[in-house]
Each structure stands twice: as C-alpha cells, then as structure tokens.
Amino acid sequence: MVRDVSPPSSQTVRPGRLPAGPWRALLVHALQLVDEIARHGMGAPFWTLGGGTVLMLRYRHRRSKDIDIFVPDPQYLGYVSPRLSDVAERIAKDYVETANYVKLIRPEGEIDFVASTNLTSTPFEIWTLMRRPVRVETAAEVVAKKLWHRGDTATARDLFDLSLVIEREPQALRNAARWLVRHREAFLEQLQSRGDVLRAQFEAIDILEYRPEFEQATRRASDFLRNLPAS
C-alpha cells in the first residue's frame, strides 16, 4: 500500500508491484489523449486517474481493466472525442459522447474521460506510472465519486468497492461523508429490492485478494451509510 501524499506535495510515490492486465495498454492510449489536450493549447492539463482500476492498483481486490480519467473542464472533452480528434479516432472508432463524458470503446476495454471536479479534501496522490507522474485518486475519492454521481443506480461492483474501502479506510470515508449521502436512500433501497440481481452480479466478479460474501458486503455498506450524518 502506498503511503498518503497530500495534493500540494511535489513528492512522487513509486508504487510496488502492480497487477498485469489490459489496463496498462489502455492507460498508454489515455496518456496519448492527455498529451493531445496539452498540445492543443490547454497547457499542462489537470486530470486524475480514478475508478475501480485505481482500487485494484491499491488493494488488488478485483480485476478491473477500464481507465477513468477525470478532468475539471468539459472543454477538455473535445480534444479526446473521435468526432473531433484524429488521434482519438485512431485509438477507438467506437465511442459514446455526451456533454459530460467521452467513452472510447476498444476490444480490450474502455477509456472514459469524465468532466468532474475533485470532491474530497485529499483527492489524489502522485504516483509514477508509465514513467511519468500521474495524479492517482485516493480510495475515498474514488468511492465518493461513485456514490455522488451514480449512487442512485447501485451496481454490484460499486457495492464490492464500497465494502473494501469501508474495511480498509473507514476514517477517510467518514471524512468524505457529505459526498456519500446524496443518494444514500436510493442506494440502500436497491440493495434490498434488487438483491437477487445484485447477488448474481456480485458472485460473478473476478476477484483477486478480497473475498467478502454478498451478505457481508451488503450489511457492511448498509450499517456504514446509515450511520453517516446527513449532508
């Protein structure tokens, strides 16, 4: 586990052994697109690497291959859209584009560029990945974004990830409480009303070194979220 580095720090963390997988090739493509943003007049663009793949890199909890890049300004998205960028079109001809994100679809996985500001007070650490500094989101930031932006549509992977971070970094999540309660009631209701579907999806997750039972994860998430103060 890499140690905490606050965002203002210039220190770079060199993480230990990272799992193999398609995420590596997808990250190379994502970095090409980050360079496109810089090349076309955005200077040194601010961005962070987040999502389930970051939790895999931190905790080896489950296999995750997709790359999620978060940028603060929707204007960045024009530089990574295959509709507007030749470089992006060479990387992926299949894509989904909205006002707030661009999803590039490749055979080995997906690369998402999402317009979203950071939420938590300590949103990232600086790691060396692919021989360059990368702002890698903290586990609490990853979960905060999941629940803030889409907590009203519970998924088995989000439950799995939430259970992990509750267990490993409970205080960091408590500090992010205001971002976790926006869709709390909807999330908890779906754990009950869609329990059979979520259980089947949960049991199909390609796990690595974290092995909770569905009931365990549901109980842990429910107890934790219910005990958070209202925003």
C-alpha atoms as a PDB file:
ATOM      1  CA  MET A   1       0.000   0.000   0.000  1.00  0.00           C
ATOM      2  CA  VAL A   2       1.469   3.385  -0.957  1.00  0.00           C
ATOM      3  CA  ARG A   3       1.551   5.972   1.762  1.00  0.00           C
ATOM      4  CA  ASP A   4      -0.517   9.117   1.721  1.00  0.00           C
ATOM      5  CA  VAL A   5       0.806  12.174  -0.069  1.00  0.00           C
ATOM      6  CA  SER A   6      -1.235  15.367   0.115  1.00  0.00           C
ATOM      7  CA  PRO A   7      -2.076  17.045  -3.199  1.00  0.00           C
ATOM      8  CA  PRO A   8       0.164  20.104  -2.693  1.00  0.00           C
ATOM      9  CA  SER A   9       3.209  17.848  -2.206  1.00  0.00           C
ATOM     10  CA  SER A  10       5.704  17.546  -5.038  1.00  0.00           C
ATOM     11  CA  GLN A  11       6.826  14.140  -3.798  1.00  0.00           C
ATOM     12  CA  THR A  12       6.150  11.272  -6.179  1.00  0.00           C
ATOM     13  CA  VAL A  13       5.260   7.785  -4.967  1.00  0.00           C
ATOM     14  CA  ARG A  14       6.691   4.801  -6.782  1.00  0.00           C
ATOM     15  CA  PRO A  15       4.148   2.039  -6.142  1.00  0.00           C
ATOM     16  CA  GLY A  16       5.189  -1.548  -5.676  1.00  0.00           C
ATOM     17  CA  ARG A  17       4.303  -4.476  -7.890  1.00  0.00           C
ATOM     18  CA  LEU A  18       1.212  -3.703  -9.934  1.00  0.00           C
ATOM     19  CA  PRO A  19      -1.048  -6.352 -11.482  1.00  0.00           C
ATOM     20  CA  ALA A  20      -0.778  -7.130 -15.167  1.00  0.00           C
ATOM     21  CA  GLY A  21      -3.760  -6.706 -17.437  1.00  0.00           C
ATOM     22  CA  PRO A  22      -5.378  -4.670 -20.214  1.00  0.00           C
ATOM     23  CA  TRP A  23      -5.380  -1.550 -18.027  1.00  0.00           C
ATOM     24  CA  ARG A  24      -1.735  -0.973 -18.947  1.00  0.00           C
ATOM     25  CA  ALA A  25      -2.346  -0.716 -22.695  1.00  0.00           C
ATOM     26  CA  LEU A  26      -5.490   1.332 -22.121  1.00  0.00           C
ATOM     27  CA  LEU A  27      -3.578   3.746 -19.888  1.00  0.00           C
ATOM     28  CA  VAL A  28      -0.973   4.235 -22.618  1.00  0.00           C
ATOM     29  CA  HIS A  29      -3.766   5.249 -25.006  1.00  0.00           C
ATOM     30  CA  ALA A  30      -5.308   7.525 -22.374  1.00  0.00           C
ATOM     31  CA  LEU A  31      -1.967   9.264 -21.851  1.00  0.00           C
ATOM     32  CA  GLN A  32      -1.725   9.880 -25.591  1.00  0.00           C
ATOM     33  CA  LEU A  33      -5.022  11.727 -25.364  1.00  0.00           C
ATOM     34  CA  VAL A  34      -3.903  13.704 -22.319  1.00  0.00           C
ATOM     35  CA  ASP A  35      -0.935  14.813 -24.415  1.00  0.00           C
ATOM     36  CA  GLU A  36      -3.377  15.861 -27.144  1.00  0.00           C
ATOM     37  CA  ILE A  37      -5.128  18.155 -24.671  1.00  0.00           C
ATOM     38  CA  ALA A  38      -1.778  19.736 -23.803  1.00  0.00           C
ATOM     39  CA  ARG A  39      -0.720  20.003 -27.443  1.00  0.00           C
ATOM     40  CA  HIS A  40      -3.802  21.966 -28.434  1.00  0.00           C
ATOM     41  CA  GLY A  41      -3.408  24.869 -26.100  1.00  0.00           C
ATOM     42  CA  MET A  42      -4.538  23.667 -22.675  1.00  0.00           C
ATOM     43  CA  GLY A  43      -1.005  23.851 -21.282  1.00  0.00           C
ATOM     44  CA  ALA A  44      -0.395  21.208 -18.637  1.00  0.00           C
ATOM     45  CA  PRO A  45      -3.969  19.954 -18.186  1.00  0.00           C
ATOM     46  CA  PHE A  46      -5.104  18.986 -14.727  1.00  0.00           C
ATOM     47  CA  TRP A  47      -6.504  15.452 -14.589  1.00  0.00           C
ATOM     48  CA  THR A  48      -6.733  12.499 -12.223  1.00  0.00           C
ATOM     49  CA  LEU A  49      -6.843   8.735 -12.671  1.00  0.00           C
ATOM     50  CA  GLY A  50      -9.696   7.135 -10.759  1.00  0.00           C
ATOM     51  CA  GLY A  51     -12.327   4.388 -10.833  1.00  0.00           C
ATOM     52  CA  GLY A  52     -12.240   0.719  -9.955  1.00  0.00           C
ATOM     53  CA  THR A  53      -8.891   0.157 -11.648  1.00  0.00           C
ATOM     54  CA  VAL A  54      -7.248   2.517  -9.155  1.00  0.00           C
ATOM     55  CA  LEU A  55      -8.697   0.469  -6.290  1.00  0.00           C
ATOM     56  CA  MET A  56      -7.263  -2.642  -7.960  1.00  0.00           C
ATOM     57  CA  LEU A  57      -3.836  -0.990  -8.125  1.00  0.00           C
ATOM     58  CA  ARG A  58      -4.074  -0.050  -4.463  1.00  0.00           C
ATOM     59  CA  TYR A  59      -5.597  -3.194  -2.981  1.00  0.00           C
ATOM     60  CA  ARG A  60      -5.663  -5.963  -5.621  1.00  0.00           C
ATOM     61  CA  HIS A  61      -9.297  -6.523  -4.674  1.00  0.00           C
ATOM     62  CA  ARG A  62     -10.781  -7.475  -8.062  1.00  0.00           C
ATOM     63  CA  ARG A  63      -9.779  -7.396 -11.691  1.00  0.00           C
ATOM     64  CA  SER A  64     -10.556  -4.105 -13.375  1.00  0.00           C
ATOM     65  CA  LYS A  65      -9.323  -3.044 -16.780  1.00  0.00           C
ATOM     66  CA  ASP A  66     -11.108   0.153 -17.766  1.00  0.00           C
ATOM     67  CA  ILE A  67      -9.443   3.549 -17.403  1.00  0.00           C
ATOM     68  CA  ASP A  68     -11.309   6.503 -15.875  1.00  0.00           C
ATOM     69  CA  ILE A  69      -9.764   9.936 -16.370  1.00  0.00           C
ATOM     70  CA  PHE A  70     -11.394  12.881 -14.590  1.00  0.00           C
ATOM     71  CA  VAL A  71     -10.931  16.436 -15.845  1.00  0.00           C
ATOM     72  CA  PRO A  72     -12.328  19.628 -14.293  1.00  0.00           C
ATOM     73  CA  ASP A  73     -13.397  21.337 -17.520  1.00  0.00           C
ATOM     74  CA  PRO A  74     -15.829  19.908 -20.111  1.00  0.00           C
ATOM     75  CA  GLN A  75     -13.861  21.785 -22.780  1.00  0.00           C
ATOM     76  CA  TYR A  76     -11.160  19.129 -22.431  1.00  0.00           C
ATOM     77  CA  LEU A  77     -13.537  16.545 -23.856  1.00  0.00           C
ATOM     78  CA  GLY A  78     -13.420  17.960 -27.359  1.00  0.00           C
ATOM     79  CA  TYR A  79      -9.748  17.003 -27.615  1.00  0.00           C
ATOM     80  CA  VAL A  80     -10.423  13.332 -26.811  1.00  0.00           C
ATOM     81  CA  SER A  81     -13.524  12.769 -28.944  1.00  0.00           C
ATOM     82  CA  PRO A  82     -13.106  10.667 -32.114  1.00  0.00           C
ATOM     83  CA  ARG A  83     -15.627  13.022 -33.690  1.00  0.00           C
ATOM     84  CA  LEU A  84     -13.133  15.886 -33.441  1.00  0.00           C
ATOM     85  CA  SER A  85      -9.702  14.332 -32.915  1.00  0.00           C
ATOM     86  CA  ASP A  86      -7.821  12.192 -35.442  1.00  0.00           C
ATOM     87  CA  VAL A  87      -5.680  10.768 -32.635  1.00  0.00           C
ATOM     88  CA  ALA A  88      -8.780   9.717 -30.686  1.00  0.00           C
ATOM     89  CA  GLU A  89     -10.303   8.216 -33.829  1.00  0.00           C
ATOM     90  CA  ARG A  90      -7.183   6.112 -34.386  1.00  0.00           C
ATOM     91  CA  ILE A  91      -7.432   4.848 -30.817  1.00  0.00           C
ATOM     92  CA  ALA A  92     -11.154   3.987 -30.981  1.00  0.00           C
ATOM     93  CA  LYS A  93     -13.704   4.289 -33.737  1.00  0.00           C
ATOM     94  CA  ASP A  94     -16.492   3.167 -31.386  1.00  0.00           C
ATOM     95  CA  TYR A  95     -17.378   5.722 -28.747  1.00  0.00           C
ATOM     96  CA  VAL A  96     -20.146   7.368 -26.733  1.00  0.00           C
ATOM     97  CA  GLU A  97     -20.152  11.130 -26.264  1.00  0.00           C
ATOM     98  CA  THR A  98     -22.273  13.365 -24.037  1.00  0.00           C
ATOM     99  CA  ALA A  99     -21.819  16.855 -22.629  1.00  0.00           C
ATOM    100  CA  ASN A 100     -20.065  15.429 -19.560  1.00  0.00           C
ATOM    101  CA  TYR A 101     -18.050  12.447 -20.750  1.00  0.00           C
ATOM    102  CA  VAL A 102     -16.474  10.649 -23.678  1.00  0.00           C
ATOM    103  CA  LYS A 103     -16.272   6.845 -23.604  1.00  0.00           C
ATOM    104  CA  LEU A 104     -13.814   5.232 -26.032  1.00  0.00           C
ATOM    105  CA  ILE A 105     -14.597   1.566 -26.681  1.00  0.00           C
ATOM    106  CA  ARG A 106     -11.759  -0.767 -27.613  1.00  0.00           C
ATOM    107  CA  PRO A 107     -11.661  -4.587 -27.841  1.00  0.00           C
ATOM    108  CA  GLU A 108      -9.673  -4.855 -24.604  1.00  0.00           C
ATOM    109  CA  GLY A 109     -11.725  -2.374 -22.601  1.00  0.00           C
ATOM    110  CA  GLU A 110     -12.932   1.198 -22.284  1.00  0.00           C
ATOM    111  CA  ILE A 111     -11.369   4.595 -21.639  1.00  0.00           C
ATOM    112  CA  ASP A 112     -13.649   7.186 -20.058  1.00  0.00           C
ATOM    113  CA  PHE A 113     -12.885  10.895 -19.896  1.00  0.00           C
ATOM    114  CA  VAL A 114     -15.306  12.448 -17.406  1.00  0.00           C
ATOM    115  CA  ALA A 115     -15.808  16.122 -16.581  1.00  0.00           C
ATOM    116  CA  SER A 116     -15.855  16.192 -12.782  1.00  0.00           C
ATOM    117  CA  THR A 117     -14.079  18.229 -10.150  1.00  0.00           C
ATOM    118  CA  ASN A 118     -12.434  16.575  -7.166  1.00  0.00           C
ATOM    119  CA  LEU A 119     -14.705  16.107  -4.168  1.00  0.00           C
ATOM    120  CA  THR A 120     -12.669  15.210  -1.095  1.00  0.00           C
ATOM    121  CA  SER A 121     -10.078  17.261   0.774  1.00  0.00           C
ATOM    122  CA  THR A 122      -7.262  14.851  -0.163  1.00  0.00           C
ATOM    123  CA  PRO A 123      -8.303  13.641  -3.603  1.00  0.00           C
ATOM    124  CA  PHE A 124      -5.096  12.181  -5.015  1.00  0.00           C
ATOM    125  CA  GLU A 125      -1.501  11.105  -4.599  1.00  0.00           C
ATOM    126  CA  ILE A 126       1.180  11.477  -7.228  1.00  0.00           C
ATOM    127  CA  TRP A 127       2.457   8.123  -8.477  1.00  0.00           C
ATOM    128  CA  THR A 128       4.916   7.232 -11.177  1.00  0.00           C
ATOM    129  CA  LEU A 129       3.077   5.212 -13.826  1.00  0.00           C
ATOM    130  CA  MET A 130       4.392   4.558 -17.328  1.00  0.00           C
ATOM    131  CA  ARG A 131       7.475   6.578 -16.328  1.00  0.00           C
ATOM    132  CA  ARG A 132       5.541   9.758 -15.731  1.00  0.00           C
ATOM    133  CA  PRO A 133       3.854  11.422 -12.760  1.00  0.00           C
ATOM    134  CA  VAL A 134       0.148  10.656 -12.529  1.00  0.00           C
ATOM    135  CA  ARG A 135      -2.380  12.016 -10.038  1.00  0.00           C
ATOM    136  CA  VAL A 136      -3.906   8.792  -8.728  1.00  0.00           C
ATOM    137  CA  GLU A 137      -7.110   9.244  -6.775  1.00  0.00           C
ATOM    138  CA  THR A 138      -7.336   8.135  -3.178  1.00  0.00           C
ATOM    139  CA  ALA A 139      -9.685   5.284  -2.358  1.00  0.00           C
ATOM    140  CA  ALA A 140     -12.055   7.688  -0.598  1.00  0.00           C
ATOM    141  CA  GLU A 141     -12.165   9.961  -3.658  1.00  0.00           C
ATOM    142  CA  VAL A 142     -12.954   7.005  -5.925  1.00  0.00           C
ATOM    143  CA  VAL A 143     -15.871   5.914  -3.740  1.00  0.00           C
ATOM    144  CA  ALA A 144     -17.075   9.488  -3.228  1.00  0.00           C
ATOM    145  CA  LYS A 145     -17.325   9.999  -6.986  1.00  0.00           C
ATOM    146  CA  LYS A 146     -19.110   6.669  -7.467  1.00  0.00           C
ATOM    147  CA  LEU A 147     -21.774   7.448  -4.869  1.00  0.00           C
ATOM    148  CA  TRP A 148     -22.118  11.165  -5.628  1.00  0.00           C
ATOM    149  CA  HIS A 149     -22.531  10.764  -9.371  1.00  0.00           C
ATOM    150  CA  ARG A 150     -24.350   7.441  -9.655  1.00  0.00           C
ATOM    151  CA  GLY A 151     -25.292   6.226  -6.202  1.00  0.00           C
ATOM    152  CA  ASP A 152     -28.936   6.125  -7.262  1.00  0.00           C
ATOM    153  CA  THR A 153     -28.155   3.191  -9.598  1.00  0.00           C
ATOM    154  CA  ALA A 154     -26.442   0.630  -7.388  1.00  0.00           C
ATOM    155  CA  THR A 155     -24.147  -1.873  -9.093  1.00  0.00           C
ATOM    156  CA  ALA A 156     -22.530  -4.986  -7.692  1.00  0.00           C
ATOM    157  CA  ARG A 157     -19.053  -3.628  -8.423  1.00  0.00           C
ATOM    158  CA  ASP A 158     -19.826  -0.392  -6.595  1.00  0.00           C
ATOM    159  CA  LEU A 159     -21.025  -2.401  -3.583  1.00  0.00           C
ATOM    160  CA  PHE A 160     -17.871  -4.534  -3.729  1.00  0.00           C
ATOM    161  CA  ASP A 161     -15.653  -1.439  -3.913  1.00  0.00           C
ATOM    162  CA  LEU A 162     -17.549   0.346  -1.144  1.00  0.00           C
ATOM    163  CA  SER A 163     -17.246  -2.673   1.145  1.00  0.00           C
ATOM    164  CA  LEU A 164     -13.492  -2.787   0.534  1.00  0.00           C
ATOM    165  CA  VAL A 165     -12.880   0.860   1.356  1.00  0.00           C
ATOM    166  CA  ILE A 166     -15.138   0.773   4.423  1.00  0.00           C
ATOM    167  CA  GLU A 167     -12.998  -2.089   5.699  1.00  0.00           C
ATOM    168  CA  ARG A 168      -9.587  -0.666   4.758  1.00  0.00           C
ATOM    169  CA  GLU A 169     -10.026   3.124   5.114  1.00  0.00           C
ATOM    170  CA  PRO A 170     -13.120   3.801   7.240  1.00  0.00           C
ATOM    171  CA  GLN A 171     -11.977   7.155   8.624  1.00  0.00           C
ATOM    172  CA  ALA A 172     -11.138   8.533   5.186  1.00  0.00           C
ATOM    173  CA  LEU A 173     -14.666   7.617   4.095  1.00  0.00           C
ATOM    174  CA  ARG A 174     -16.208   9.221   7.173  1.00  0.00           C
ATOM    175  CA  ASN A 175     -14.322  12.397   6.308  1.00  0.00           C
ATOM    176  CA  ALA A 176     -15.978  12.250   2.870  1.00  0.00           C
ATOM    177  CA  ALA A 177     -19.470  11.721   4.321  1.00  0.00           C
ATOM    178  CA  ARG A 178     -21.073  14.717   2.598  1.00  0.00           C
ATOM    179  CA  TRP A 179     -20.389  13.102  -0.782  1.00  0.00           C
ATOM    180  CA  LEU A 180     -21.727   9.684   0.210  1.00  0.00           C
ATOM    181  CA  VAL A 181     -25.227  10.562   1.408  1.00  0.00           C
ATOM    182  CA  ARG A 182     -26.708  12.308  -1.643  1.00  0.00           C
ATOM    183  CA  HIS A 183     -28.196   9.049  -2.963  1.00  0.00           C
ATOM    184  CA  ARG A 184     -27.962   7.057   0.269  1.00  0.00           C
ATOM    185  CA  GLU A 185     -31.636   6.095   0.486  1.00  0.00           C
ATOM    186  CA  ALA A 186     -31.835   5.068  -3.177  1.00  0.00           C
ATOM    187  CA  PHE A 187     -28.645   3.009  -2.896  1.00  0.00           C
ATOM    188  CA  LEU A 188     -29.823   1.206   0.244  1.00  0.00           C
ATOM    189  CA  GLU A 189     -33.286   0.610  -1.193  1.00  0.00           C
ATOM    190  CA  GLN A 190     -31.806  -1.021  -4.281  1.00  0.00           C
ATOM    191  CA  LEU A 191     -29.636  -3.322  -2.196  1.00  0.00           C
ATOM    192  CA  GLN A 192     -32.924  -4.762  -0.955  1.00  0.00           C
ATOM    193  CA  SER A 193     -35.243  -4.508  -3.966  1.00  0.00           C
ATOM    194  CA  ARG A 194     -32.633  -5.717  -6.479  1.00  0.00           C
ATOM    195  CA  GLY A 195     -30.878  -8.079  -4.114  1.00  0.00           C
ATOM    196  CA  ASP A 196     -31.164 -11.201  -6.286  1.00  0.00           C
ATOM    197  CA  VAL A 197     -29.801  -9.460  -9.380  1.00  0.00           C
ATOM    198  CA  LEU A 198     -27.010  -7.758  -7.456  1.00  0.00           C
ATOM    199  CA  ARG A 199     -26.084 -11.033  -5.741  1.00  0.00           C
ATOM    200  CA  ALA A 200     -25.677 -12.811  -9.088  1.00  0.00           C
ATOM    201  CA  GLN A 201     -23.559  -9.954 -10.433  1.00  0.00           C
ATOM    202  CA  PHE A 202     -21.546  -9.807  -7.209  1.00  0.00           C
ATOM    203  CA  GLU A 203     -20.755 -13.513  -7.341  1.00  0.00           C
ATOM    204  CA  ALA A 204     -19.596 -13.145 -10.957  1.00  0.00           C
ATOM    205  CA  ILE A 205     -16.954 -10.519 -10.074  1.00  0.00           C
ATOM    206  CA  ASP A 206     -13.428 -11.619 -10.993  1.00  0.00           C
ATOM    207  CA  ILE A 207     -11.927 -11.321  -7.524  1.00  0.00           C
ATOM    208  CA  LEU A 208      -8.257 -11.162  -6.596  1.00  0.00           C
ATOM    209  CA  GLU A 209      -7.326 -10.736  -2.925  1.00  0.00           C
ATOM    210  CA  TYR A 210     -10.567  -9.506  -1.333  1.00  0.00           C
ATOM    211  CA  ARG A 211     -13.313 -12.058  -0.789  1.00  0.00           C
ATOM    212  CA  PRO A 212     -16.415 -10.784   1.002  1.00  0.00           C
ATOM    213  CA  GLU A 213     -19.725 -12.602   0.789  1.00  0.00           C
ATOM    214  CA  PHE A 214     -22.614 -10.637  -0.726  1.00  0.00           C
ATOM    215  CA  GLU A 215     -24.498 -10.547   2.600  1.00  0.00           C
ATOM    216  CA  GLN A 216     -21.338  -9.365   4.356  1.00  0.00           C
ATOM    217  CA  ALA A 217     -20.773  -6.539   1.897  1.00  0.00           C
ATOM    218  CA  THR A 218     -24.441  -5.508   1.970  1.00  0.00           C
ATOM    219  CA  ARG A 219     -24.524  -5.407   5.763  1.00  0.00           C
ATOM    220  CA  ARG A 220     -21.225  -3.519   5.964  1.00  0.00           C
ATOM    221  CA  ALA A 221     -22.333  -0.916   3.405  1.00  0.00           C
ATOM    222  CA  SER A 222     -25.791  -0.513   4.946  1.00  0.00           C
ATOM    223  CA  ASP A 223     -24.511  -0.079   8.503  1.00  0.00           C
ATOM    224  CA  PHE A 224     -21.822   2.367   7.441  1.00  0.00           C
ATOM    225  CA  LEU A 225     -24.030   4.560   5.257  1.00  0.00           C
ATOM    226  CA  ARG A 226     -26.885   4.663   7.772  1.00  0.00           C
ATOM    227  CA  ASN A 227     -24.524   5.940  10.455  1.00  0.00           C
ATOM    228  CA  LEU A 228     -23.248   8.872   8.400  1.00  0.00           C
ATOM    229  CA  PRO A 229     -24.670  12.301   9.260  1.00  0.00           C
ATOM    230  CA  ALA A 230     -26.974  13.956   6.761  1.00  0.00           C
ATOM    231  CA  SER A 231     -25.281  16.481   4.498  1.00  0.00           C
END
